[in-house]
N, C-alpha and C. Protein backbone atom coordinates (compact mmCIF):
# COMPACT_ATOMS: atom_id res chain seq x y z
N MET A 1 153.85 44.06 90.03
CA MET A 1 154.03 42.64 90.38
C MET A 1 155.47 42.39 90.83
N ASN A 2 155.63 41.27 91.47
CA ASN A 2 156.96 40.86 91.93
C ASN A 2 157.81 40.44 90.73
N PRO A 3 159.02 40.98 90.59
CA PRO A 3 159.88 40.60 89.45
C PRO A 3 160.10 39.09 89.38
N LEU A 4 160.13 38.43 90.55
CA LEU A 4 160.33 36.98 90.55
C LEU A 4 159.15 36.27 89.89
N VAL A 5 157.95 36.80 90.14
CA VAL A 5 156.75 36.22 89.53
C VAL A 5 156.79 36.40 88.02
N LEU A 6 157.22 37.60 87.58
CA LEU A 6 157.30 37.87 86.15
C LEU A 6 158.32 36.95 85.48
N SER A 7 159.44 36.71 86.14
CA SER A 7 160.46 35.84 85.56
C SER A 7 159.95 34.41 85.47
N LYS A 8 159.16 34.00 86.47
CA LYS A 8 158.60 32.65 86.44
C LYS A 8 157.59 32.52 85.31
N LEU A 9 156.78 33.57 85.11
CA LEU A 9 155.81 33.55 84.02
C LEU A 9 156.54 33.51 82.68
N GLY A 10 157.65 34.26 82.59
CA GLY A 10 158.43 34.29 81.35
C GLY A 10 158.99 32.93 81.00
N LEU A 11 159.26 32.11 82.02
CA LEU A 11 159.76 30.76 81.77
C LEU A 11 158.61 29.79 81.54
N LEU A 12 157.48 30.04 82.22
CA LEU A 12 156.37 29.10 82.16
C LEU A 12 155.67 29.12 80.80
N ILE A 13 155.51 30.30 80.23
CA ILE A 13 154.78 30.42 78.96
C ILE A 13 155.44 29.62 77.83
N PRO A 14 156.76 29.75 77.58
CA PRO A 14 157.38 28.95 76.53
C PRO A 14 157.28 27.45 76.80
N VAL A 15 157.38 27.07 78.08
CA VAL A 15 157.27 25.64 78.42
C VAL A 15 155.88 25.12 78.09
N LEU A 16 154.85 25.90 78.42
CA LEU A 16 153.49 25.49 78.11
C LEU A 16 153.27 25.40 76.61
N MET A 17 153.85 26.34 75.86
CA MET A 17 153.72 26.32 74.41
C MET A 17 154.41 25.09 73.83
N LEU A 18 155.60 24.76 74.37
CA LEU A 18 156.31 23.57 73.89
C LEU A 18 155.50 22.31 74.19
N GLN A 19 154.91 22.24 75.37
CA GLN A 19 154.09 21.08 75.72
C GLN A 19 152.89 20.98 74.79
N TYR A 20 152.29 22.14 74.46
CA TYR A 20 151.12 22.16 73.58
C TYR A 20 151.47 21.63 72.20
N PHE A 21 152.58 22.12 71.63
CA PHE A 21 152.99 21.66 70.30
C PHE A 21 153.43 20.21 70.34
N PHE A 22 154.07 19.79 71.45
CA PHE A 22 154.49 18.40 71.58
C PHE A 22 153.28 17.49 71.61
N ASN A 23 152.22 17.92 72.31
CA ASN A 23 150.99 17.12 72.36
C ASN A 23 150.36 17.02 70.97
N LEU A 24 150.36 18.12 70.22
CA LEU A 24 149.81 18.10 68.87
C LEU A 24 150.58 17.12 67.99
N CYS A 25 151.91 17.17 68.07
CA CYS A 25 152.74 16.28 67.26
C CYS A 25 152.51 14.83 67.67
N THR A 26 152.38 14.58 68.96
CA THR A 26 152.15 13.21 69.44
C THR A 26 150.84 12.67 68.90
N ILE A 27 149.80 13.51 68.89
CA ILE A 27 148.50 13.09 68.38
C ILE A 27 148.59 12.78 66.89
N LYS A 28 149.29 13.63 66.14
CA LYS A 28 149.44 13.42 64.70
C LYS A 28 150.17 12.12 64.43
N VAL A 29 151.25 11.87 65.16
CA VAL A 29 152.02 10.64 64.97
C VAL A 29 151.17 9.43 65.35
N PHE A 30 150.42 9.54 66.44
CA PHE A 30 149.56 8.44 66.89
C PHE A 30 148.53 8.11 65.82
N GLU A 31 147.92 9.15 65.25
CA GLU A 31 146.93 8.94 64.19
C GLU A 31 147.57 8.31 62.97
N ALA A 32 148.79 8.73 62.66
CA ALA A 32 149.48 8.19 61.49
C ALA A 32 149.77 6.70 61.68
N PHE A 33 150.18 6.31 62.89
CA PHE A 33 150.50 4.91 63.15
C PHE A 33 149.24 4.05 63.21
N THR A 34 148.16 4.58 63.78
CA THR A 34 146.94 3.79 63.92
C THR A 34 146.11 3.82 62.63
N GLY A 35 146.40 4.77 61.76
CA GLY A 35 145.69 4.85 60.49
C GLY A 35 144.27 5.37 60.65
N THR A 36 143.99 6.07 61.75
CA THR A 36 142.66 6.60 61.98
C THR A 36 142.73 8.11 62.17
N GLU A 37 141.59 8.75 61.94
CA GLU A 37 141.53 10.19 62.17
C GLU A 37 141.22 10.45 63.63
N SER A 38 141.06 11.72 63.98
CA SER A 38 140.77 12.08 65.37
C SER A 38 139.44 11.45 65.79
N GLY A 39 139.34 11.09 67.07
CA GLY A 39 138.13 10.45 67.56
C GLY A 39 138.28 8.94 67.58
N ALA A 40 139.51 8.44 67.51
CA ALA A 40 139.75 7.01 67.47
C ALA A 40 139.36 6.36 68.79
N LEU A 41 139.42 7.14 69.88
CA LEU A 41 139.11 6.58 71.19
C LEU A 41 137.62 6.64 71.49
N ASP A 42 136.84 7.26 70.60
CA ASP A 42 135.39 7.33 70.82
C ASP A 42 134.74 6.02 70.42
N ASP A 43 133.60 5.72 71.06
CA ASP A 43 132.88 4.49 70.72
C ASP A 43 132.08 4.70 69.44
């Protein structure tokens, strides 16, 4: 593979992991503030 592609993947993976954990934390905080469990947006 192209070394440039590998370097981009090396940067992309940690960023995606950070976004994933950030989303999890945001959901937890949202649930804590709304006082509901997951599925609050379901009818």
